[in-house]
N, C-alpha and C. Protein backbone atom coordinates (compact mmCIF):
# COMPACT_ATOMS: atom_id res chain seq x y z
N MET A 1 -8.14 -8.86 10.55
CA MET A 1 -8.10 -8.52 10.24
C MET A 1 -8.59 -8.69 8.39
N VAL A 2 -9.09 -7.83 7.68
CA VAL A 2 -9.72 -8.56 6.07
C VAL A 2 -8.56 -8.09 5.58
N ASP A 3 -7.55 -9.18 4.64
CA ASP A 3 -7.25 -8.17 3.96
C ASP A 3 -7.14 -8.74 2.69
N LEU A 4 -8.58 -9.72 1.96
CA LEU A 4 -9.38 -9.89 0.41
C LEU A 4 -10.23 -9.44 1.02
N PHE A 5 -11.44 -8.09 0.85
CA PHE A 5 -13.02 -9.12 0.55
C PHE A 5 -14.02 -9.78 -0.48
N PHE A 6 -14.47 -10.45 0.38
CA PHE A 6 -15.29 -11.70 -0.02
C PHE A 6 -16.44 -11.32 -0.69
N ILE A 7 -17.08 -11.80 -1.08
CA ILE A 7 -18.34 -11.69 -1.52
C ILE A 7 -19.54 -13.35 -1.46
N GLY A 8 -19.60 -13.88 -1.53
CA GLY A 8 -19.90 -15.25 -1.69
C GLY A 8 -18.84 -16.08 -2.97
N GLY A 9 -17.67 -16.23 -2.48
CA GLY A 9 -16.75 -16.55 -2.56
C GLY A 9 -16.10 -16.17 -3.64
N VAL A 10 -16.31 -15.27 -4.00
CA VAL A 10 -16.08 -14.34 -5.43
C VAL A 10 -14.63 -13.30 -3.86
N VAL A 11 -13.73 -12.73 -4.36
CA VAL A 11 -12.45 -11.34 -4.19
C VAL A 11 -13.05 -10.77 -4.99
N LEU A 12 -13.88 -9.42 -4.06
CA LEU A 12 -13.61 -8.07 -5.20
C LEU A 12 -12.74 -6.99 -5.04
N ASN A 13 -11.77 -7.79 -4.57
CA ASN A 13 -10.40 -6.86 -4.56
C ASN A 13 -9.29 -7.41 -4.25
N GLN A 14 -8.33 -6.82 -5.24
CA GLN A 14 -6.99 -7.68 -4.46
C GLN A 14 -5.68 -6.63 -5.21
N ILE A 15 -4.93 -6.73 -4.27
CA ILE A 15 -3.36 -5.68 -5.33
C ILE A 15 -3.09 -6.23 -6.43
N ILE A 16 -2.88 -5.46 -7.17
CA ILE A 16 -2.61 -6.19 -8.83
C ILE A 16 -0.92 -5.83 -8.93
N ARG A 17 -0.52 -4.35 -8.43
CA ARG A 17 0.55 -3.99 -8.84
C ARG A 17 0.38 -3.01 -7.78
N VAL A 18 2.05 -2.34 -7.86
CA VAL A 18 2.26 -1.22 -6.68
C VAL A 18 3.12 -0.38 -7.67
N ALA A 19 3.21 0.89 -7.92
CA ALA A 19 3.99 1.48 -8.14
C ALA A 19 4.72 2.91 -7.39
N PRO A 20 6.21 3.07 -7.00
CA PRO A 20 6.16 4.30 -5.90
C PRO A 20 5.93 5.43 -6.48
N ARG A 21 6.10 6.32 -6.75
CA ARG A 21 5.99 7.63 -7.71
C ARG A 21 6.51 8.54 -6.90
N GLU A 22 7.21 9.76 -7.39
CA GLU A 22 8.05 10.81 -6.68
C GLU A 22 6.89 11.45 -5.61
N HIS A 23 8.00 11.97 -4.54
CA HIS A 23 7.41 12.48 -3.43
C HIS A 23 6.55 11.78 -2.88
N TYR A 24 8.00 10.65 -2.29
CA TYR A 24 6.80 9.78 -1.73
C TYR A 24 5.31 8.99 -1.51
N CYS A 25 5.08 9.32 -3.01
CA CYS A 25 3.54 8.39 -3.30
C CYS A 25 3.73 7.19 -3.87
N LEU A 26 2.81 6.68 -4.03
CA LEU A 26 2.07 5.68 -3.57
C LEU A 26 0.91 5.04 -4.61
N GLU A 27 0.90 5.26 -5.47
CA GLU A 27 -0.18 3.88 -6.60
C GLU A 27 -0.20 2.38 -7.00
N VAL A 28 -1.34 2.60 -6.03
CA VAL A 28 -1.74 1.14 -5.93
C VAL A 28 -3.30 1.16 -6.61
N TYR A 29 -2.86 -0.75 -7.96
CA TYR A 29 -3.67 -0.54 -8.32
C TYR A 29 -4.55 -1.63 -7.91
N LEU A 30 -5.46 -2.17 -8.13
CA LEU A 30 -6.24 -3.03 -7.85
C LEU A 30 -7.04 -4.08 -8.41
N LYS A 31 -7.71 -4.91 -8.96
CA LYS A 31 -7.75 -5.78 -9.61
C LYS A 31 -9.25 -5.65 -9.75
N ASN A 32 -9.95 -5.12 -9.42
CA ASN A 32 -11.34 -4.01 -10.39
C ASN A 32 -10.98 -4.02 -11.08
N GLY A 33 -10.36 -2.93 -11.13
CA GLY A 33 -10.07 -1.52 -11.80
C GLY A 33 -9.43 -0.56 -11.53
N SER A 34 -10.33 -0.04 -10.47
CA SER A 34 -9.58 1.16 -9.39
C SER A 34 -8.32 1.27 -9.19
N SER A 35 -7.93 1.99 -8.51
CA SER A 35 -6.10 2.42 -7.63
C SER A 35 -6.62 3.64 -6.83
N LEU A 36 -5.83 3.12 -5.74
CA LEU A 36 -5.58 4.62 -4.80
C LEU A 36 -4.47 5.54 -4.61
N LEU A 37 -3.65 5.93 -5.21
CA LEU A 37 -3.00 7.18 -5.13
C LEU A 37 -2.36 7.90 -3.62
N LEU A 38 -1.38 7.24 -2.73
CA LEU A 38 -1.12 7.27 -1.45
C LEU A 38 0.04 7.95 -1.16
N ASN A 39 -0.59 9.41 -0.47
CA ASN A 39 1.27 9.95 -0.22
C ASN A 39 1.88 10.60 1.21
N LEU A 40 2.58 9.12 0.99
CA LEU A 40 3.30 9.18 2.68
C LEU A 40 4.22 10.34 3.07
N GLU A 41 4.26 10.55 2.51
CA GLU A 41 5.96 12.08 2.87
C GLU A 41 5.48 12.50 4.32
N SER A 42 4.03 13.46 4.53
CA SER A 42 3.63 13.39 5.85
C SER A 42 3.91 12.14 6.62
N ARG A 43 3.60 11.12 6.62
CA ARG A 43 3.79 9.58 8.17
C ARG A 43 5.33 10.09 7.51
N LEU A 44 6.55 9.76 6.99
CA LEU A 44 7.94 9.48 7.05
C LEU A 44 8.47 10.19 8.67
N HIS A 45 8.14 10.72 9.66
CA HIS A 45 8.36 11.36 10.68
C HIS A 45 7.79 10.54 11.84
N THR A 46 7.60 9.75 11.51
CA THR A 46 6.20 8.25 12.07
C THR A 46 7.33 7.27 12.76
N VAL A 47 7.30 6.68 13.53
CA VAL A 47 8.49 5.60 13.64
C VAL A 47 8.06 4.33 12.76
N ARG A 48 6.88 4.05 12.76
CA ARG A 48 6.23 3.06 11.70
C ARG A 48 6.89 3.59 9.84
N PHE A 49 6.39 4.09 9.65
CA PHE A 49 6.92 4.88 8.46
C PHE A 49 8.20 5.41 7.99
N SER A 50 9.53 5.66 9.00
CA SER A 50 10.69 5.89 9.20
C SER A 50 10.98 5.70 8.04
N VAL A 51 11.46 3.83 7.97
CA VAL A 51 11.68 3.45 6.81
C VAL A 51 12.25 3.90 5.91
N LEU A 52 11.18 4.49 5.44
CA LEU A 52 10.71 4.01 3.89
C LEU A 52 11.50 5.74 3.55
N GLU A 53 11.68 6.48 4.03
CA GLU A 53 12.84 8.20 4.41
C GLU A 53 13.82 7.24 3.07
N ASP A 54 14.28 6.16 3.13
CA ASP A 54 15.31 6.05 2.00
C ASP A 54 14.18 5.66 0.83
N PRO A 55 15.00 6.06 -0.20
CA PRO A 55 14.77 6.50 -1.26
C PRO A 55 14.61 4.75 -1.91
N ALA A 56 15.92 4.36 -1.40
CA ALA A 56 16.36 2.61 -1.77
C ALA A 56 14.58 2.18 -1.38
N VAL A 57 14.36 2.11 -0.67
CA VAL A 57 14.02 1.21 0.18
C VAL A 57 12.51 1.71 -0.32
N PHE A 58 12.16 2.59 0.16
CA PHE A 58 10.36 3.67 -0.35
C PHE A 58 10.26 2.68 -2.01
N GLU A 59 11.02 2.66 -2.62
CA GLU A 59 11.17 2.55 -4.20
C GLU A 59 10.84 1.05 -4.73
N SER A 60 11.43 -0.12 -3.45
CA SER A 60 11.55 -1.80 -2.66
C SER A 60 9.96 -2.06 -3.20
N ALA A 61 9.06 -1.11 -3.10
CA ALA A 61 7.57 -2.12 -2.88
C ALA A 61 6.75 -2.87 -3.83
N GLU A 62 6.48 -3.75 -3.36
CA GLU A 62 5.83 -4.94 -3.91
C GLU A 62 4.16 -5.19 -2.93
N THR A 63 4.32 -6.39 -4.16
CA THR A 63 2.66 -6.91 -3.24
C THR A 63 2.95 -8.48 -3.74
N ASP A 64 1.90 -8.97 -3.01
CA ASP A 64 2.01 -10.23 -2.77
C ASP A 64 0.24 -10.26 -2.97
N GLY A 65 -0.57 -9.93 -3.83
CA GLY A 65 -1.97 -9.30 -3.36
C GLY A 65 -3.03 -9.01 -2.21
N SER A 66 -2.11 -9.32 -1.16
CA SER A 66 -2.60 -8.72 -0.03
C SER A 66 -2.07 -7.24 0.87
N ARG A 67 -0.76 -7.09 0.52
CA ARG A 67 -0.10 -6.04 1.03
C ARG A 67 1.13 -5.40 0.41
N VAL A 68 1.15 -4.80 0.19
CA VAL A 68 2.43 -4.13 0.20
C VAL A 68 3.90 -4.02 1.03
N ILE A 69 4.23 -4.56 0.40
CA ILE A 69 5.28 -5.07 1.31
C ILE A 69 6.59 -4.13 0.53
N TRP A 70 7.33 -3.30 2.25
CA TRP A 70 8.84 -3.12 1.74
C TRP A 70 9.90 -3.77 2.11
N GLY A 71 10.27 -5.19 1.49
CA GLY A 71 11.32 -6.29 2.40
C GLY A 71 10.88 -6.78 3.49
N ARG A 72 11.90 -7.03 4.44
CA ARG A 72 10.88 -7.14 6.18
C ARG A 72 10.87 -5.91 6.60
N LYS A 73 10.88 -4.50 6.62
CA LYS A 73 11.06 -3.38 6.97
C LYS A 73 9.88 -2.88 7.77
N LEU A 74 8.94 -3.27 6.44
CA LEU A 74 7.32 -2.46 6.23
C LEU A 74 5.92 -3.49 5.29
N GLU A 75 4.85 -3.42 6.10
CA GLU A 75 3.73 -4.16 5.34
C GLU A 75 2.93 -3.49 5.81
N LEU A 76 1.86 -3.07 4.56
CA LEU A 76 1.08 -2.38 4.69
C LEU A 76 -0.59 -3.37 3.89
N SER A 77 -1.74 -3.83 5.38
CA SER A 77 -2.65 -4.62 4.52
C SER A 77 -3.81 -4.15 3.64
N LEU A 78 -4.17 -4.46 2.69
CA LEU A 78 -4.99 -3.42 1.50
C LEU A 78 -6.06 -2.88 2.37
N GLU A 79 -6.62 -3.69 3.29
CA GLU A 79 -7.03 -2.70 4.56
C GLU A 79 -6.55 -1.30 5.24
N GLU A 80 -5.81 -1.58 6.05
CA GLU A 80 -5.02 -0.62 6.35
C GLU A 80 -4.27 0.51 5.51
N LEU A 81 -4.26 -0.01 3.75
CA LEU A 81 -4.24 1.07 3.11
C LEU A 81 -5.85 1.78 2.43
N PHE A 82 -6.81 1.03 3.01
CA PHE A 82 -8.09 1.85 2.59
C PHE A 82 -8.03 3.22 3.35
N GLN A 83 -7.75 2.17 4.72
CA GLN A 83 -7.93 3.79 6.27
C GLN A 83 -6.41 4.61 6.03
N LEU A 84 -5.81 4.72 5.16
CA LEU A 84 -4.49 6.27 5.01
C LEU A 84 -5.72 6.76 3.85
N ALA A 85 -6.25 6.25 2.97
CA ALA A 85 -6.38 6.55 1.67
C ALA A 85 -8.01 7.37 2.59
N ARG A 86 -8.37 7.08 3.17
CA ARG A 86 -9.32 8.01 3.54
C ARG A 86 -8.60 9.73 4.63
N LYS A 87 -7.91 8.62 5.28
CA LYS A 87 -7.47 10.31 5.89
C LYS A 87 -7.24 11.38 5.38
N GLU A 88 -6.96 11.39 4.63
CA GLU A 88 -6.48 12.22 3.40
C GLU A 88 -6.94 12.79 2.83
């Protein structure tokens, strides 16, 4: 799985910041100036995303540059974020 996208050794996309929003939306800001706005509310009933039902957990989202991380409870790679955005 590719977390960062490289061409000629240059990183094309990297997560620089994440911002939890109302109604379980997550805004993901990328190094190239783009951003993704993901609505995760419809996924809260799934086993994988159910930990985010706790508002304190959802709001604890942070990044290491290649993933969005909610403590030790859940992590999503940049590739997974793009896949989720395509499904919306």
